[in-house]
Amino acid sequence: MTTGLLTSSINKAKLLKKKLSKPTEPNITKYKNFNKLYNTTKQQLKIWYYDEVFNSNKHNITQIWIELRKLIGKQNDKNLS
């Protein structure tokens, strides 16, 4: 997680707290707009990260499979027997 995304996460939490404590229309709108921007940015960073990982390992199939297993949350099959 980048420092900018971490800062945005803290800001999002503050806006949520403000939205829940004082649910006025401007507070709700600010939170919804910021949340949409935050989620879009987070998704773009995730795509960028995996693009970098796979492009840097495009000639190393073993490392690509390691990254794919981490991505889907699967453990190594050899350890299951």
PDB file of N, CA and C in Angstrom:
ATOM      1  N   MET A   1       0.861  -1.173   0.000  1.00  0.00           N
ATOM      2  CA  MET A   1       0.000   0.000   0.000  1.00  0.00           C
ATOM      3  C   MET A   1       0.902   1.229   0.000  1.00  0.00           C
ATOM      4  N   THR A   2       0.625   2.151  -0.891  1.00  0.00           N
ATOM      5  CA  THR A   2       1.428   3.358  -0.980  1.00  0.00           C
ATOM      6  C   THR A   2       1.068   4.322   0.143  1.00  0.00           C
ATOM      7  N   THR A   3       1.944   5.292   0.386  1.00  0.00           N
ATOM      8  CA  THR A   3       1.671   6.257   1.451  1.00  0.00           C
ATOM      9  C   THR A   3       0.465   7.123   1.100  1.00  0.00           C
ATOM     10  N   GLY A   4       0.302   7.427  -0.185  1.00  0.00           N
ATOM     11  CA  GLY A   4      -0.858   8.214  -0.603  1.00  0.00           C
ATOM     12  C   GLY A   4      -2.158   7.469  -0.372  1.00  0.00           C
ATOM     13  N   LEU A   5      -2.162   6.184  -0.664  1.00  0.00           N
ATOM     14  CA  LEU A   5      -3.365   5.375  -0.449  1.00  0.00           C
ATOM     15  C   LEU A   5      -3.645   5.210   1.041  1.00  0.00           C
ATOM     16  N   LEU A   6      -2.593   5.106   1.835  1.00  0.00           N
ATOM     17  CA  LEU A   6      -2.767   4.996   3.285  1.00  0.00           C
ATOM     18  C   LEU A   6      -3.369   6.283   3.850  1.00  0.00           C
ATOM     19  N   THR A   7      -2.873   7.416   3.376  1.00  0.00           N
ATOM     20  CA  THR A   7      -3.417   8.705   3.802  1.00  0.00           C
ATOM     21  C   THR A   7      -4.881   8.829   3.386  1.00  0.00           C
ATOM     22  N   SER A   8      -5.182   8.392   2.169  1.00  0.00           N
ATOM     23  CA  SER A   8      -6.566   8.430   1.695  1.00  0.00           C
ATOM     24  C   SER A   8      -7.466   7.519   2.521  1.00  0.00           C
ATOM     25  N   SER A   9      -6.944   6.384   2.953  1.00  0.00           N
ATOM     26  CA  SER A   9      -7.708   5.470   3.784  1.00  0.00           C
ATOM     27  C   SER A   9      -8.066   6.118   5.121  1.00  0.00           C
ATOM     28  N   ILE A  10      -7.116   6.834   5.686  1.00  0.00           N
ATOM     29  CA  ILE A  10      -7.364   7.535   6.951  1.00  0.00           C
ATOM     30  C   ILE A  10      -8.413   8.626   6.734  1.00  0.00           C
ATOM     31  N   ASN A  11      -8.287   9.355   5.633  1.00  0.00           N
ATOM     32  CA  ASN A  11      -9.252  10.405   5.310  1.00  0.00           C
ATOM     33  C   ASN A  11     -10.642   9.819   5.091  1.00  0.00           C
ATOM     34  N   LYS A  12     -10.706   8.666   4.428  1.00  0.00           N
ATOM     35  CA  LYS A  12     -11.992   7.996   4.190  1.00  0.00           C
ATOM     36  C   LYS A  12     -12.640   7.599   5.517  1.00  0.00           C
ATOM     37  N   ALA A  13     -11.830   7.110   6.444  1.00  0.00           N
ATOM     38  CA  ALA A  13     -12.362   6.719   7.760  1.00  0.00           C
ATOM     39  C   ALA A  13     -12.910   7.937   8.504  1.00  0.00           C
ATOM     40  N   LYS A  14     -12.231   9.063   8.380  1.00  0.00           N
ATOM     41  CA  LYS A  14     -12.713  10.289   9.031  1.00  0.00           C
ATOM     42  C   LYS A  14     -14.035  10.747   8.422  1.00  0.00           C
ATOM     43  N   LEU A  15     -14.114  10.680   7.088  1.00  0.00           N
ATOM     44  CA  LEU A  15     -15.360  11.073   6.427  1.00  0.00           C
ATOM     45  C   LEU A  15     -16.506  10.136   6.799  1.00  0.00           C
ATOM     46  N   LEU A  16     -16.225   8.847   6.934  1.00  0.00           N
ATOM     47  CA  LEU A  16     -17.257   7.894   7.343  1.00  0.00           C
ATOM     48  C   LEU A  16     -17.743   8.197   8.758  1.00  0.00           C
ATOM     49  N   LYS A  17     -16.795   8.476   9.642  1.00  0.00           N
ATOM     50  CA  LYS A  17     -17.157   8.797  11.020  1.00  0.00           C
ATOM     51  C   LYS A  17     -18.032  10.049  11.064  1.00  0.00           C
ATOM     52  N   LYS A  18     -17.662  11.045  10.253  1.00  0.00           N
ATOM     53  CA  LYS A  18     -18.438  12.277  10.207  1.00  0.00           C
ATOM     54  C   LYS A  18     -19.823  12.023   9.606  1.00  0.00           C
ATOM     55  N   LYS A  19     -19.876  11.172   8.578  1.00  0.00           N
ATOM     56  CA  LYS A  19     -21.158  10.838   7.933  1.00  0.00           C
ATOM     57  C   LYS A  19     -22.087  10.126   8.909  1.00  0.00           C
ATOM     58  N   LEU A  20     -21.523   9.229   9.729  1.00  0.00           N
ATOM     59  CA  LEU A  20     -22.357   8.475  10.663  1.00  0.00           C
ATOM     60  C   LEU A  20     -22.775   9.309  11.870  1.00  0.00           C
ATOM     61  N   SER A  21     -21.894  10.210  12.321  1.00  0.00           N
ATOM     62  CA  SER A  21     -22.245  11.011  13.498  1.00  0.00           C
ATOM     63  C   SER A  21     -23.194  12.146  13.152  1.00  0.00           C
ATOM     64  N   LYS A  22     -23.003  12.759  11.971  1.00  0.00           N
ATOM     65  CA  LYS A  22     -23.885  13.847  11.520  1.00  0.00           C
ATOM     66  C   LYS A  22     -24.305  13.561  10.081  1.00  0.00           C
ATOM     67  N   PRO A  23     -25.343  12.763   9.893  1.00  0.00           N
ATOM     68  CA  PRO A  23     -25.731  12.354   8.535  1.00  0.00           C
ATOM     69  C   PRO A  23     -26.473  13.440   7.746  1.00  0.00           C
ATOM     70  N   THR A  24     -25.796  14.548   7.497  1.00  0.00           N
ATOM     71  CA  THR A  24     -26.386  15.583   6.655  1.00  0.00           C
ATOM     72  C   THR A  24     -26.088  15.257   5.196  1.00  0.00           C
ATOM     73  N   GLU A  25     -26.821  15.904   4.302  1.00  0.00           N
ATOM     74  CA  GLU A  25     -26.652  15.649   2.874  1.00  0.00           C
ATOM     75  C   GLU A  25     -25.227  15.959   2.384  1.00  0.00           C
ATOM     76  N   PRO A  26     -24.617  17.085   2.787  1.00  0.00           N
ATOM     77  CA  PRO A  26     -23.233  17.337   2.337  1.00  0.00           C
ATOM     78  C   PRO A  26     -22.236  16.297   2.849  1.00  0.00           C
ATOM     79  N   ASN A  27     -22.399  15.845   4.084  1.00  0.00           N
ATOM     80  CA  ASN A  27     -21.491  14.834   4.632  1.00  0.00           C
ATOM     81  C   ASN A  27     -21.637  13.504   3.900  1.00  0.00           C
ATOM     82  N   ILE A  28     -22.852  13.131   3.590  1.00  0.00           N
ATOM     83  CA  ILE A  28     -23.097  11.879   2.872  1.00  0.00           C
ATOM     84  C   ILE A  28     -22.527  11.963   1.461  1.00  0.00           C
ATOM     85  N   THR A  29     -22.732  13.087   0.802  1.00  0.00           N
ATOM     86  CA  THR A  29     -22.225  13.277  -0.566  1.00  0.00           C
ATOM     87  C   THR A  29     -20.702  13.275  -0.592  1.00  0.00           C
ATOM     88  N   LYS A  30     -20.075  13.964   0.371  1.00  0.00           N
ATOM     89  CA  LYS A  30     -18.607  13.985   0.432  1.00  0.00           C
ATOM     90  C   LYS A  30     -18.055  12.575   0.591  1.00  0.00           C
ATOM     91  N   TYR A  31     -18.668  11.809   1.484  1.00  0.00           N
ATOM     92  CA  TYR A  31     -18.197  10.444   1.713  1.00  0.00           C
ATOM     93  C   TYR A  31     -18.385   9.580   0.471  1.00  0.00           C
ATOM     94  N   LYS A  32     -19.553   9.656  -0.156  1.00  0.00           N
ATOM     95  CA  LYS A  32     -19.818   8.829  -1.338  1.00  0.00           C
ATOM     96  C   LYS A  32     -18.838   9.151  -2.466  1.00  0.00           C
ATOM     97  N   ASN A  33     -18.601  10.440  -2.711  1.00  0.00           N
ATOM     98  CA  ASN A  33     -17.683  10.842  -3.778  1.00  0.00           C
ATOM     99  C   ASN A  33     -16.255  10.399  -3.478  1.00  0.00           C
ATOM    100  N   PHE A  34     -15.824  10.592  -2.231  1.00  0.00           N
ATOM    101  CA  PHE A  34     -14.466  10.211  -1.874  1.00  0.00           C
ATOM    102  C   PHE A  34     -14.297   8.694  -1.903  1.00  0.00           C
ATOM    103  N   ASN A  35     -15.305   7.970  -1.449  1.00  0.00           N
ATOM    104  CA  ASN A  35     -15.243   6.513  -1.444  1.00  0.00           C
ATOM    105  C   ASN A  35     -15.143   5.967  -2.865  1.00  0.00           C
ATOM    106  N   LYS A  36     -15.894   6.561  -3.791  1.00  0.00           N
ATOM    107  CA  LYS A  36     -15.842   6.140  -5.194  1.00  0.00           C
ATOM    108  C   LYS A  36     -14.438   6.393  -5.767  1.00  0.00           C
ATOM    109  N   LEU A  37     -13.876   7.558  -5.487  1.00  0.00           N
ATOM    110  CA  LEU A  37     -12.534   7.893  -5.955  1.00  0.00           C
ATOM    111  C   LEU A  37     -11.484   6.978  -5.330  1.00  0.00           C
ATOM    112  N   TYR A  38     -11.622   6.710  -4.044  1.00  0.00           N
ATOM    113  CA  TYR A  38     -10.685   5.842  -3.328  1.00  0.00           C
ATOM    114  C   TYR A  38     -10.696   4.421  -3.913  1.00  0.00           C
ATOM    115  N   ASN A  39     -11.880   3.865  -4.118  1.00  0.00           N
ATOM    116  CA  ASN A  39     -11.978   2.505  -4.649  1.00  0.00           C
ATOM    117  C   ASN A  39     -11.446   2.412  -6.076  1.00  0.00           C
ATOM    118  N   THR A  40     -11.706   3.433  -6.892  1.00  0.00           N
ATOM    119  CA  THR A  40     -11.186   3.456  -8.255  1.00  0.00           C
ATOM    120  C   THR A  40      -9.662   3.490  -8.250  1.00  0.00           C
ATOM    121  N   THR A  41      -9.097   4.343  -7.416  1.00  0.00           N
ATOM    122  CA  THR A  41      -7.646   4.467  -7.318  1.00  0.00           C
ATOM    123  C   THR A  41      -7.023   3.173  -6.810  1.00  0.00           C
ATOM    124  N   LYS A  42      -7.648   2.572  -5.817  1.00  0.00           N
ATOM    125  CA  LYS A  42      -7.132   1.319  -5.267  1.00  0.00           C
ATOM    126  C   LYS A  42      -7.144   0.207  -6.317  1.00  0.00           C
ATOM    127  N   GLN A  43      -8.188   0.139  -7.110  1.00  0.00           N
ATOM    128  CA  GLN A  43      -8.277  -0.865  -8.159  1.00  0.00           C
ATOM    129  C   GLN A  43      -7.225  -0.621  -9.237  1.00  0.00           C
ATOM    130  N   GLN A  44      -7.012   0.642  -9.609  1.00  0.00           N
ATOM    131  CA  GLN A  44      -5.999   0.961 -10.612  1.00  0.00           C
ATOM    132  C   GLN A  44      -4.600   0.621 -10.117  1.00  0.00           C
ATOM    133  N   LEU A  45      -4.319   0.880  -8.850  1.00  0.00           N
ATOM    134  CA  LEU A  45      -3.016   0.534  -8.285  1.00  0.00           C
ATOM    135  C   LEU A  45      -2.807  -0.975  -8.232  1.00  0.00           C
ATOM    136  N   LYS A  46      -3.859  -1.708  -7.959  1.00  0.00           N
ATOM    137  CA  LYS A  46      -3.772  -3.163  -7.936  1.00  0.00           C
ATOM    138  C   LYS A  46      -3.462  -3.710  -9.329  1.00  0.00           C
ATOM    139  N   ILE A  47      -4.134  -3.167 -10.333  1.00  0.00           N
ATOM    140  CA  ILE A  47      -3.871  -3.574 -11.718  1.00  0.00           C
ATOM    141  C   ILE A  47      -2.439  -3.235 -12.103  1.00  0.00           C
ATOM    142  N   TRP A  48      -2.014  -2.023 -11.759  1.00  0.00           N
ATOM    143  CA  TRP A  48      -0.645  -1.596 -12.068  1.00  0.00           C
ATOM    144  C   TRP A  48       0.373  -2.508 -11.388  1.00  0.00           C
ATOM    145  N   TYR A  49       0.148  -2.860 -10.117  1.00  0.00           N
ATOM    146  CA  TYR A  49       1.078  -3.704  -9.363  1.00  0.00           C
ATOM    147  C   TYR A  49       1.236  -5.071 -10.038  1.00  0.00           C
ATOM    148  N   TYR A  50       0.123  -5.714 -10.349  1.00  0.00           N
ATOM    149  CA  TYR A  50       0.217  -7.045 -10.954  1.00  0.00           C
ATOM    150  C   TYR A  50       0.764  -6.982 -12.376  1.00  0.00           C
ATOM    151  N   ASP A  51       0.504  -5.912 -13.087  1.00  0.00           N
ATOM    152  CA  ASP A  51       1.103  -5.730 -14.404  1.00  0.00           C
ATOM    153  C   ASP A  51       2.627  -5.664 -14.277  1.00  0.00           C
ATOM    154  N   GLU A  52       3.117  -4.920 -13.295  1.00  0.00           N
ATOM    155  CA  GLU A  52       4.558  -4.822 -13.059  1.00  0.00           C
ATOM    156  C   GLU A  52       5.148  -6.172 -12.644  1.00  0.00           C
ATOM    157  N   VAL A  53       4.474  -6.877 -11.763  1.00  0.00           N
ATOM    158  CA  VAL A  53       4.972  -8.172 -11.287  1.00  0.00           C
ATOM    159  C   VAL A  53       5.069  -9.167 -12.430  1.00  0.00           C
ATOM    160  N   PHE A  54       4.009  -9.253 -13.234  1.00  0.00           N
ATOM    161  CA  PHE A  54       4.010 -10.241 -14.313  1.00  0.00           C
ATOM    162  C   PHE A  54       4.939  -9.843 -15.457  1.00  0.00           C
ATOM    163  N   ASN A  55       5.053  -8.562 -15.747  1.00  0.00           N
ATOM    164  CA  ASN A  55       5.978  -8.143 -16.796  1.00  0.00           C
ATOM    165  C   ASN A  55       7.436  -8.307 -16.383  1.00  0.00           C
ATOM    166  N   SER A  56       7.741  -8.116 -15.115  1.00  0.00           N
ATOM    167  CA  SER A  56       9.124  -8.280 -14.669  1.00  0.00           C
ATOM    168  C   SER A  56       9.517  -9.757 -14.582  1.00  0.00           C
ATOM    169  N   ASN A  57       8.543 -10.654 -14.518  1.00  0.00           N
ATOM    170  CA  ASN A  57       8.813 -12.090 -14.434  1.00  0.00           C
ATOM    171  C   ASN A  57       8.315 -12.849 -15.658  1.00  0.00           C
ATOM    172  N   LYS A  58       8.201 -12.172 -16.788  1.00  0.00           N
ATOM    173  CA  LYS A  58       7.603 -12.834 -17.946  1.00  0.00           C
ATOM    174  C   LYS A  58       8.442 -13.979 -18.498  1.00  0.00           C
ATOM    175  N   HIS A  59       9.713 -14.053 -18.138  1.00  0.00           N
ATOM    176  CA  HIS A  59      10.556 -15.160 -18.583  1.00  0.00           C
ATOM    177  C   HIS A  59      10.808 -16.180 -17.469  1.00  0.00           C
ATOM    178  N   ASN A  60      10.137 -16.010 -16.345  1.00  0.00           N
ATOM    179  CA  ASN A  60      10.317 -16.898 -15.208  1.00  0.00           C
ATOM    180  C   ASN A  60       8.943 -17.479 -14.839  1.00  0.00           C
ATOM    181  N   ILE A  61       8.602 -18.600 -15.428  1.00  0.00           N
ATOM    182  CA  ILE A  61       7.268 -19.187 -15.245  1.00  0.00           C
ATOM    183  C   ILE A  61       7.026 -19.623 -13.801  1.00  0.00           C
ATOM    184  N   THR A  62       8.079 -20.034 -13.117  1.00  0.00           N
ATOM    185  CA  THR A  62       7.928 -20.446 -11.719  1.00  0.00           C
ATOM    186  C   THR A  62       7.468 -19.280 -10.862  1.00  0.00           C
ATOM    187  N   GLN A  63       8.079 -18.117 -11.054  1.00  0.00           N
ATOM    188  CA  GLN A  63       7.696 -16.938 -10.273  1.00  0.00           C
ATOM    189  C   GLN A  63       6.287 -16.477 -10.637  1.00  0.00           C
ATOM    190  N   ILE A  64       5.916 -16.612 -11.885  1.00  0.00           N
ATOM    191  CA  ILE A  64       4.554 -16.242 -12.288  1.00  0.00           C
ATOM    192  C   ILE A  64       3.539 -17.127 -11.573  1.00  0.00           C
ATOM    193  N   TRP A  65       3.809 -18.432 -11.489  1.00  0.00           N
ATOM    194  CA  TRP A  65       2.883 -19.330 -10.788  1.00  0.00           C
ATOM    195  C   TRP A  65       2.837 -19.031  -9.295  1.00  0.00           C
ATOM    196  N   ILE A  66       3.954 -18.656  -8.721  1.00  0.00           N
ATOM    197  CA  ILE A  66       3.971 -18.279  -7.299  1.00  0.00           C
ATOM    198  C   ILE A  66       3.072 -17.068  -7.080  1.00  0.00           C
ATOM    199  N   GLU A  67       3.191 -16.070  -7.957  1.00  0.00           N
ATOM    200  CA  GLU A  67       2.365 -14.871  -7.835  1.00  0.00           C
ATOM    201  C   GLU A  67       0.890 -15.174  -8.075  1.00  0.00           C
ATOM    202  N   LEU A  68       0.589 -16.037  -9.035  1.00  0.00           N
ATOM    203  CA  LEU A  68      -0.804 -16.414  -9.286  1.00  0.00           C
ATOM    204  C   LEU A  68      -1.407 -17.127  -8.092  1.00  0.00           C
ATOM    205  N   ARG A  69      -0.639 -18.013  -7.472  1.00  0.00           N
ATOM    206  CA  ARG A  69      -1.148 -18.716  -6.281  1.00  0.00           C
ATOM    207  C   ARG A  69      -1.410 -17.742  -5.143  1.00  0.00           C
ATOM    208  N   LYS A  70      -0.523 -16.762  -4.967  1.00  0.00           N
ATOM    209  CA  LYS A  70      -0.749 -15.751  -3.936  1.00  0.00           C
ATOM    210  C   LYS A  70      -1.994 -14.937  -4.248  1.00  0.00           C
ATOM    211  N   LEU A  71      -2.189 -14.639  -5.527  1.00  0.00           N
ATOM    212  CA  LEU A  71      -3.325 -13.831  -5.942  1.00  0.00           C
ATOM    213  C   LEU A  71      -4.655 -14.520  -5.650  1.00  0.00           C
ATOM    214  N   ILE A  72      -4.731 -15.824  -5.902  1.00  0.00           N
ATOM    215  CA  ILE A  72      -5.990 -16.534  -5.660  1.00  0.00           C
ATOM    216  C   ILE A  72      -6.061 -17.135  -4.259  1.00  0.00           C
ATOM    217  N   GLY A  73      -4.961 -17.033  -3.494  1.00  0.00           N
ATOM    218  CA  GLY A  73      -4.977 -17.524  -2.118  1.00  0.00           C
ATOM    219  C   GLY A  73      -4.831 -19.013  -1.998  1.00  0.00           C
ATOM    220  N   LYS A  74      -4.198 -19.634  -2.949  1.00  0.00           N
ATOM    221  CA  LYS A  74      -4.034 -21.087  -2.931  1.00  0.00           C
ATOM    222  C   LYS A  74      -2.648 -21.455  -2.400  1.00  0.00           C
ATOM    223  N   GLN A  75      -2.597 -22.478  -1.581  1.00  0.00           N
ATOM    224  CA  GLN A  75      -1.334 -22.978  -1.060  1.00  0.00           C
ATOM    225  C   GLN A  75      -0.687 -23.906  -2.061  1.00  0.00           C
ATOM    226  N   ASN A  76       0.560 -24.219  -1.837  1.00  0.00           N
ATOM    227  CA  ASN A  76       1.293 -25.146  -2.704  1.00  0.00           C
ATOM    228  C   ASN A  76       0.694 -26.543  -2.585  1.00  0.00           C
ATOM    229  N   ASP A  77       0.365 -27.176  -3.707  1.00  0.00           N
ATOM    230  CA  ASP A  77      -0.277 -28.509  -3.701  1.00  0.00           C
ATOM    231  C   ASP A  77       0.646 -29.575  -3.175  1.00  0.00           C
ATOM    232  N   LYS A  78       1.954 -29.417  -3.256  1.00  0.00           N
ATOM    233  CA  LYS A  78       2.894 -30.444  -2.806  1.00  0.00           C
ATOM    234  C   LYS A  78       2.858 -30.613  -1.297  1.00  0.00           C
ATOM    235  N   ASN A  79       2.471 -29.595  -0.584  1.00  0.00           N
ATOM    236  CA  ASN A  79       2.417 -29.664   0.881  1.00  0.00           C
ATOM    237  C   ASN A  79       1.136 -30.299   1.391  1.00  0.00           C
ATOM    238  N   LEU A  80       0.173 -30.562   0.536  1.00  0.00           N
ATOM    239  CA  LEU A  80      -1.104 -31.101   0.968  1.00  0.00           C
ATOM    240  C   LEU A  80      -1.120 -32.612   1.165  1.00  0.00           C
ATOM    241  N   SER A  81      -0.128 -33.334   0.655  1.00  0.00           N
ATOM    242  CA  SER A  81      -0.164 -34.795   0.733  1.00  0.00           C
ATOM    243  C   SER A  81       0.226 -35.330   2.062  1.00  0.00           C
TER     244      SER A  81
END
